[in-house]
Amino acid sequence: MRVQKFPYLVAIVIPSLGRTAKERMTEAQRNATIQMALKRFEELFGGATSMSSNGIVRLLDGTVLVDSNQTLVVSGTTYREFLRQHKKVEQLALQVGEMLNQESVAVLAFASDSFLLIRDPGKGEK
């Protein structure tokens, strides 16, 4: 067994709402965007996970939207690798915004004590 540390996490928020509380995107549209973000994070950082979350945002016009069905696509990495891929993460956020016609797209990046436990069943690990 070995442990791969992820001292930095990067996430992109995939909303379920459009630019108003009544405007929702289709499931197909959201799923395509989530899959694209997962694939891109895998290419940039070696893997990714999606998870459901709740969020709230204030739009530029002052409108407050509560999104109870947004998705976070999260990847573990190092700070150095995040900085190296920063421009590509920005491009991904722009692509998400264009695909879903969003005013803004949140990218979260922060220090972490996360790790991946890598098992080796060939060495008797169950």
N, C-alpha and C. Protein backbone atom coordinates (compact mmCIF):
# COMPACT_ATOMS: atom_id res chain seq x y z
N MET A 1 0.85 -1.16 0.00
CA MET A 1 0.00 0.00 0.00
C MET A 1 0.90 1.23 0.00
N ARG A 2 0.42 2.26 -0.70
CA ARG A 2 1.13 3.53 -0.63
C ARG A 2 0.09 4.66 -0.60
N VAL A 3 0.54 5.82 -0.18
CA VAL A 3 -0.34 6.97 -0.04
C VAL A 3 0.16 8.08 -0.97
N GLN A 4 -0.75 8.59 -1.78
CA GLN A 4 -0.43 9.74 -2.63
C GLN A 4 -1.13 10.95 -2.02
N LYS A 5 -0.36 11.93 -1.61
CA LYS A 5 -0.94 13.10 -0.96
C LYS A 5 -1.46 14.10 -1.99
N PHE A 6 -2.54 14.76 -1.64
CA PHE A 6 -3.12 15.83 -2.45
C PHE A 6 -3.19 17.08 -1.57
N PRO A 7 -2.10 17.84 -1.48
CA PRO A 7 -2.09 19.00 -0.60
C PRO A 7 -2.89 20.20 -1.12
N TYR A 8 -3.52 20.04 -2.27
CA TYR A 8 -4.29 21.13 -2.85
C TYR A 8 -5.49 20.55 -3.58
N LEU A 9 -6.65 21.19 -3.42
CA LEU A 9 -7.85 20.77 -4.14
C LEU A 9 -8.31 21.89 -5.07
N VAL A 10 -8.82 21.49 -6.21
CA VAL A 10 -9.37 22.42 -7.20
C VAL A 10 -10.77 21.93 -7.53
N ALA A 11 -11.72 22.86 -7.58
CA ALA A 11 -13.10 22.49 -7.90
C ALA A 11 -13.70 23.54 -8.82
N ILE A 12 -14.62 23.10 -9.65
CA ILE A 12 -15.39 24.00 -10.49
C ILE A 12 -16.86 23.73 -10.20
N VAL A 13 -17.64 24.81 -10.10
CA VAL A 13 -19.06 24.70 -9.77
C VAL A 13 -19.87 24.64 -11.06
N ILE A 14 -20.68 23.59 -11.19
CA ILE A 14 -21.59 23.43 -12.33
C ILE A 14 -23.00 23.71 -11.82
N PRO A 15 -23.59 24.84 -12.21
CA PRO A 15 -24.91 25.20 -11.70
C PRO A 15 -26.03 24.40 -12.37
N SER A 16 -27.20 24.43 -11.75
CA SER A 16 -28.38 23.83 -12.38
C SER A 16 -29.34 24.91 -12.86
N LEU A 17 -29.09 26.16 -12.45
CA LEU A 17 -29.94 27.27 -12.85
C LEU A 17 -29.30 28.07 -13.97
N GLY A 18 -30.13 28.72 -14.72
CA GLY A 18 -29.64 29.66 -15.72
C GLY A 18 -29.40 31.00 -15.07
N ARG A 19 -29.74 32.07 -15.77
CA ARG A 19 -29.50 33.41 -15.23
C ARG A 19 -30.66 33.93 -14.40
N THR A 20 -31.71 33.14 -14.25
CA THR A 20 -32.82 33.51 -13.37
C THR A 20 -33.23 32.27 -12.60
N ALA A 21 -33.98 32.46 -11.52
CA ALA A 21 -34.41 31.32 -10.70
C ALA A 21 -35.33 30.39 -11.48
N LYS A 22 -36.02 30.90 -12.48
CA LYS A 22 -36.95 30.09 -13.26
C LYS A 22 -36.28 29.39 -14.43
N GLU A 23 -35.13 29.86 -14.81
CA GLU A 23 -34.44 29.30 -15.98
C GLU A 23 -33.56 28.12 -15.55
N ARG A 24 -33.91 26.95 -16.03
CA ARG A 24 -33.11 25.75 -15.74
C ARG A 24 -32.58 25.18 -17.04
N MET A 25 -31.40 24.64 -16.97
CA MET A 25 -30.87 23.99 -18.16
C MET A 25 -31.34 22.54 -18.18
N THR A 26 -31.25 21.91 -19.33
CA THR A 26 -31.70 20.53 -19.43
C THR A 26 -30.70 19.61 -18.73
N GLU A 27 -31.19 18.44 -18.32
CA GLU A 27 -30.29 17.44 -17.71
C GLU A 27 -29.19 17.04 -18.68
N ALA A 28 -29.55 16.91 -19.97
CA ALA A 28 -28.55 16.54 -20.97
C ALA A 28 -27.46 17.59 -21.06
N GLN A 29 -27.85 18.85 -21.03
CA GLN A 29 -26.90 19.96 -21.08
C GLN A 29 -25.97 19.94 -19.87
N ARG A 30 -26.55 19.79 -18.68
CA ARG A 30 -25.74 19.73 -17.45
C ARG A 30 -24.83 18.51 -17.44
N ASN A 31 -25.39 17.35 -17.78
CA ASN A 31 -24.60 16.12 -17.76
C ASN A 31 -23.42 16.21 -18.72
N ALA A 32 -23.64 16.77 -19.90
CA ALA A 32 -22.55 16.93 -20.87
C ALA A 32 -21.46 17.84 -20.30
N THR A 33 -21.87 18.89 -19.61
CA THR A 33 -20.91 19.82 -19.02
C THR A 33 -20.14 19.16 -17.88
N ILE A 34 -20.83 18.43 -17.04
CA ILE A 34 -20.18 17.72 -15.93
C ILE A 34 -19.19 16.70 -16.47
N GLN A 35 -19.58 15.92 -17.46
CA GLN A 35 -18.68 14.92 -18.04
C GLN A 35 -17.46 15.57 -18.68
N MET A 36 -17.67 16.70 -19.35
CA MET A 36 -16.55 17.42 -19.96
C MET A 36 -15.59 17.91 -18.89
N ALA A 37 -16.11 18.46 -17.78
CA ALA A 37 -15.26 18.95 -16.69
C ALA A 37 -14.50 17.80 -16.02
N LEU A 38 -15.19 16.68 -15.79
CA LEU A 38 -14.52 15.51 -15.21
C LEU A 38 -13.37 15.05 -16.10
N LYS A 39 -13.62 14.94 -17.38
CA LYS A 39 -12.59 14.48 -18.32
C LYS A 39 -11.41 15.45 -18.37
N ARG A 40 -11.72 16.74 -18.36
CA ARG A 40 -10.65 17.74 -18.44
C ARG A 40 -9.81 17.73 -17.16
N PHE A 41 -10.45 17.61 -15.99
CA PHE A 41 -9.69 17.53 -14.75
C PHE A 41 -8.85 16.26 -14.70
N GLU A 42 -9.38 15.18 -15.24
CA GLU A 42 -8.58 13.93 -15.31
C GLU A 42 -7.35 14.17 -16.16
N GLU A 43 -7.50 14.85 -17.27
CA GLU A 43 -6.35 15.14 -18.14
C GLU A 43 -5.34 16.05 -17.45
N LEU A 44 -5.83 17.04 -16.70
CA LEU A 44 -4.94 18.01 -16.06
C LEU A 44 -4.31 17.50 -14.78
N PHE A 45 -5.10 16.74 -13.97
CA PHE A 45 -4.65 16.39 -12.62
C PHE A 45 -4.68 14.89 -12.31
N GLY A 46 -5.13 14.05 -13.26
CA GLY A 46 -5.09 12.61 -13.07
C GLY A 46 -6.35 11.99 -12.55
N GLY A 47 -7.37 12.78 -12.26
CA GLY A 47 -8.64 12.23 -11.78
C GLY A 47 -9.55 13.34 -11.29
N ALA A 48 -10.79 12.99 -11.03
CA ALA A 48 -11.76 13.97 -10.53
C ALA A 48 -12.97 13.24 -9.96
N THR A 49 -13.72 13.94 -9.15
CA THR A 49 -14.95 13.42 -8.55
C THR A 49 -16.01 14.50 -8.66
N SER A 50 -17.24 14.08 -8.92
CA SER A 50 -18.33 15.06 -8.89
C SER A 50 -19.18 14.79 -7.66
N MET A 51 -19.74 15.87 -7.10
CA MET A 51 -20.61 15.74 -5.93
C MET A 51 -21.67 16.82 -5.95
N SER A 52 -22.84 16.45 -5.45
CA SER A 52 -23.95 17.39 -5.39
C SER A 52 -23.71 18.38 -4.25
N SER A 53 -24.19 19.60 -4.46
CA SER A 53 -24.05 20.61 -3.42
C SER A 53 -25.15 21.66 -3.56
N ASN A 54 -25.28 22.48 -2.55
CA ASN A 54 -26.19 23.61 -2.57
C ASN A 54 -25.36 24.87 -2.65
N GLY A 55 -25.92 25.91 -3.26
CA GLY A 55 -25.19 27.16 -3.35
C GLY A 55 -26.11 28.35 -3.47
N ILE A 56 -25.51 29.50 -3.30
CA ILE A 56 -26.24 30.76 -3.46
C ILE A 56 -25.30 31.75 -4.11
N VAL A 57 -25.83 32.57 -5.01
CA VAL A 57 -25.00 33.54 -5.71
C VAL A 57 -25.79 34.83 -5.90
N ARG A 58 -25.09 35.94 -5.85
CA ARG A 58 -25.69 37.23 -6.16
C ARG A 58 -25.17 37.64 -7.54
N LEU A 59 -26.09 37.78 -8.50
CA LEU A 59 -25.73 38.17 -9.85
C LEU A 59 -25.35 39.65 -9.89
N LEU A 60 -24.74 40.06 -10.99
CA LEU A 60 -24.30 41.45 -11.11
C LEU A 60 -25.44 42.45 -10.97
N ASP A 61 -26.66 42.06 -11.37
CA ASP A 61 -27.80 42.97 -11.25
C ASP A 61 -28.42 42.96 -9.85
N GLY A 62 -27.84 42.20 -8.92
CA GLY A 62 -28.32 42.15 -7.55
C GLY A 62 -29.26 40.99 -7.26
N THR A 63 -29.71 40.29 -8.28
CA THR A 63 -30.58 39.14 -8.10
C THR A 63 -29.84 38.04 -7.32
N VAL A 64 -30.50 37.46 -6.33
CA VAL A 64 -29.92 36.36 -5.56
C VAL A 64 -30.57 35.05 -6.02
N LEU A 65 -29.74 34.09 -6.40
CA LEU A 65 -30.23 32.78 -6.83
C LEU A 65 -29.76 31.72 -5.84
N VAL A 66 -30.69 30.89 -5.40
CA VAL A 66 -30.37 29.75 -4.55
C VAL A 66 -30.44 28.52 -5.43
N ASP A 67 -29.32 27.82 -5.54
CA ASP A 67 -29.23 26.63 -6.40
C ASP A 67 -29.08 25.41 -5.51
N SER A 68 -30.15 24.63 -5.38
CA SER A 68 -30.12 23.45 -4.51
C SER A 68 -29.71 22.19 -5.25
N ASN A 69 -29.24 22.35 -6.49
CA ASN A 69 -28.88 21.18 -7.28
C ASN A 69 -27.61 21.41 -8.10
N GLN A 70 -26.69 22.19 -7.58
CA GLN A 70 -25.45 22.38 -8.32
C GLN A 70 -24.52 21.19 -8.10
N THR A 71 -23.49 21.10 -8.91
CA THR A 71 -22.52 20.01 -8.83
C THR A 71 -21.12 20.59 -8.74
N LEU A 72 -20.31 20.04 -7.84
CA LEU A 72 -18.90 20.39 -7.78
C LEU A 72 -18.10 19.29 -8.46
N VAL A 73 -17.21 19.67 -9.34
CA VAL A 73 -16.25 18.73 -9.91
C VAL A 73 -14.92 19.07 -9.25
N VAL A 74 -14.36 18.08 -8.52
CA VAL A 74 -13.21 18.32 -7.64
C VAL A 74 -12.05 17.41 -8.04
N SER A 75 -10.85 17.97 -7.95
CA SER A 75 -9.66 17.20 -8.24
C SER A 75 -8.57 17.52 -7.22
N GLY A 76 -7.83 16.51 -6.80
CA GLY A 76 -6.69 16.69 -5.90
C GLY A 76 -5.41 16.86 -6.70
N THR A 77 -4.53 17.72 -6.22
CA THR A 77 -3.28 17.99 -6.92
C THR A 77 -2.28 18.59 -5.94
N THR A 78 -1.27 19.23 -6.45
CA THR A 78 -0.34 20.00 -5.65
C THR A 78 -0.50 21.47 -6.02
N TYR A 79 -0.03 22.35 -5.15
CA TYR A 79 -0.12 23.78 -5.45
C TYR A 79 0.70 24.10 -6.70
N ARG A 80 1.86 23.52 -6.80
CA ARG A 80 2.73 23.76 -7.97
C ARG A 80 2.03 23.34 -9.27
N GLU A 81 1.39 22.16 -9.25
CA GLU A 81 0.70 21.68 -10.46
C GLU A 81 -0.51 22.56 -10.77
N PHE A 82 -1.23 23.00 -9.72
CA PHE A 82 -2.33 23.91 -9.95
C PHE A 82 -1.85 25.19 -10.64
N LEU A 83 -0.77 25.77 -10.16
CA LEU A 83 -0.23 26.98 -10.79
C LEU A 83 0.18 26.71 -12.23
N ARG A 84 0.77 25.56 -12.47
CA ARG A 84 1.19 25.19 -13.82
C ARG A 84 -0.01 25.07 -14.77
N GLN A 85 -1.14 24.58 -14.25
CA GLN A 85 -2.34 24.35 -15.07
C GLN A 85 -3.37 25.48 -14.95
N HIS A 86 -3.02 26.54 -14.23
CA HIS A 86 -3.98 27.61 -13.93
C HIS A 86 -4.68 28.15 -15.18
N LYS A 87 -3.96 28.45 -16.23
CA LYS A 87 -4.56 28.98 -17.46
C LYS A 87 -5.55 28.00 -18.05
N LYS A 88 -5.23 26.71 -18.01
CA LYS A 88 -6.13 25.69 -18.56
C LYS A 88 -7.39 25.57 -17.71
N VAL A 89 -7.26 25.75 -16.39
CA VAL A 89 -8.43 25.74 -15.51
C VAL A 89 -9.31 26.94 -15.83
N GLU A 90 -8.71 28.10 -16.06
CA GLU A 90 -9.47 29.28 -16.47
C GLU A 90 -10.22 29.02 -17.77
N GLN A 91 -9.54 28.39 -18.72
CA GLN A 91 -10.18 28.07 -20.00
C GLN A 91 -11.35 27.11 -19.81
N LEU A 92 -11.19 26.14 -18.90
CA LEU A 92 -12.27 25.21 -18.59
C LEU A 92 -13.46 25.96 -18.01
N ALA A 93 -13.21 26.87 -17.07
CA ALA A 93 -14.30 27.65 -16.47
C ALA A 93 -15.01 28.47 -17.54
N LEU A 94 -14.27 29.05 -18.44
CA LEU A 94 -14.88 29.82 -19.53
C LEU A 94 -15.75 28.92 -20.40
N GLN A 95 -15.25 27.73 -20.70
CA GLN A 95 -16.01 26.78 -21.51
C GLN A 95 -17.30 26.36 -20.80
N VAL A 96 -17.24 26.10 -19.50
CA VAL A 96 -18.44 25.77 -18.72
C VAL A 96 -19.43 26.93 -18.81
N GLY A 97 -18.95 28.14 -18.61
CA GLY A 97 -19.82 29.31 -18.68
C GLY A 97 -20.49 29.47 -20.04
N GLU A 98 -19.74 29.20 -21.09
CA GLU A 98 -20.30 29.29 -22.44
C GLU A 98 -21.31 28.18 -22.70
N MET A 99 -21.00 26.96 -22.27
CA MET A 99 -21.89 25.82 -22.49
C MET A 99 -23.23 26.01 -21.79
N LEU A 100 -23.20 26.65 -20.60
CA LEU A 100 -24.41 26.79 -19.79
C LEU A 100 -24.94 28.22 -19.77
N ASN A 101 -24.36 29.10 -20.59
CA ASN A 101 -24.79 30.49 -20.68
C ASN A 101 -24.84 31.15 -19.31
N GLN A 102 -23.73 31.09 -18.58
CA GLN A 102 -23.66 31.63 -17.24
C GLN A 102 -23.00 33.01 -17.22
N GLU A 103 -23.41 33.82 -16.26
CA GLU A 103 -22.80 35.12 -16.06
C GLU A 103 -21.40 34.96 -15.46
N SER A 104 -21.25 33.97 -14.58
CA SER A 104 -19.96 33.71 -13.94
C SER A 104 -19.86 32.22 -13.62
N VAL A 105 -18.64 31.76 -13.42
CA VAL A 105 -18.38 30.37 -13.04
C VAL A 105 -17.34 30.39 -11.92
N ALA A 106 -17.64 29.71 -10.81
CA ALA A 106 -16.73 29.68 -9.67
C ALA A 106 -15.72 28.55 -9.81
N VAL A 107 -14.46 28.90 -9.57
CA VAL A 107 -13.38 27.92 -9.43
C VAL A 107 -12.88 28.06 -8.00
N LEU A 108 -12.89 26.96 -7.27
CA LEU A 108 -12.43 26.94 -5.88
C LEU A 108 -11.08 26.24 -5.84
N ALA A 109 -10.13 26.79 -5.10
CA ALA A 109 -8.81 26.18 -4.98
C ALA A 109 -8.30 26.45 -3.57
N PHE A 110 -7.87 25.37 -2.89
CA PHE A 110 -7.51 25.55 -1.49
C PHE A 110 -6.61 24.42 -1.00
N ALA A 111 -5.88 24.73 0.06
CA ALA A 111 -4.99 23.75 0.70
C ALA A 111 -5.82 22.62 1.29
N SER A 112 -5.21 21.43 1.35
CA SER A 112 -5.94 20.23 1.76
C SER A 112 -5.00 19.22 2.42
N ASP A 113 -5.58 18.36 3.23
CA ASP A 113 -4.85 17.21 3.78
C ASP A 113 -5.35 15.92 3.13
N SER A 114 -5.89 16.02 1.93
CA SER A 114 -6.47 14.86 1.24
C SER A 114 -5.37 13.92 0.76
N PHE A 115 -5.76 12.66 0.58
CA PHE A 115 -4.81 11.68 0.05
C PHE A 115 -5.57 10.56 -0.64
N LEU A 116 -4.84 9.82 -1.44
CA LEU A 116 -5.35 8.64 -2.13
C LEU A 116 -4.58 7.43 -1.59
N LEU A 117 -5.31 6.45 -1.10
CA LEU A 117 -4.71 5.22 -0.62
C LEU A 117 -4.67 4.24 -1.78
N ILE A 118 -3.48 3.84 -2.19
CA ILE A 118 -3.31 2.94 -3.33
C ILE A 118 -2.97 1.56 -2.80
N ARG A 119 -3.88 0.61 -3.02
CA ARG A 119 -3.72 -0.76 -2.54
C ARG A 119 -2.99 -1.61 -3.57
N ASP A 120 -2.33 -2.62 -3.11
CA ASP A 120 -1.69 -3.57 -4.00
C ASP A 120 -2.12 -4.98 -3.57
N PRO A 121 -3.28 -5.46 -4.11
CA PRO A 121 -3.76 -6.79 -3.72
C PRO A 121 -2.75 -7.90 -4.01
N GLY A 122 -1.87 -7.70 -4.96
CA GLY A 122 -0.84 -8.69 -5.27
C GLY A 122 0.13 -8.91 -4.14
N LYS A 123 0.18 -7.98 -3.19
CA LYS A 123 1.09 -8.09 -2.05
C LYS A 123 0.34 -8.50 -0.79
N GLY A 124 -0.81 -9.13 -0.98
CA GLY A 124 -1.57 -9.64 0.15
C GLY A 124 -2.49 -8.63 0.80
N GLU A 125 -2.63 -7.44 0.23
CA GLU A 125 -3.54 -6.45 0.80
C GLU A 125 -4.97 -6.76 0.36
N LYS A 126 -5.85 -6.83 1.32
CA LYS A 126 -7.24 -7.16 1.02
C LYS A 126 -8.06 -5.92 0.86
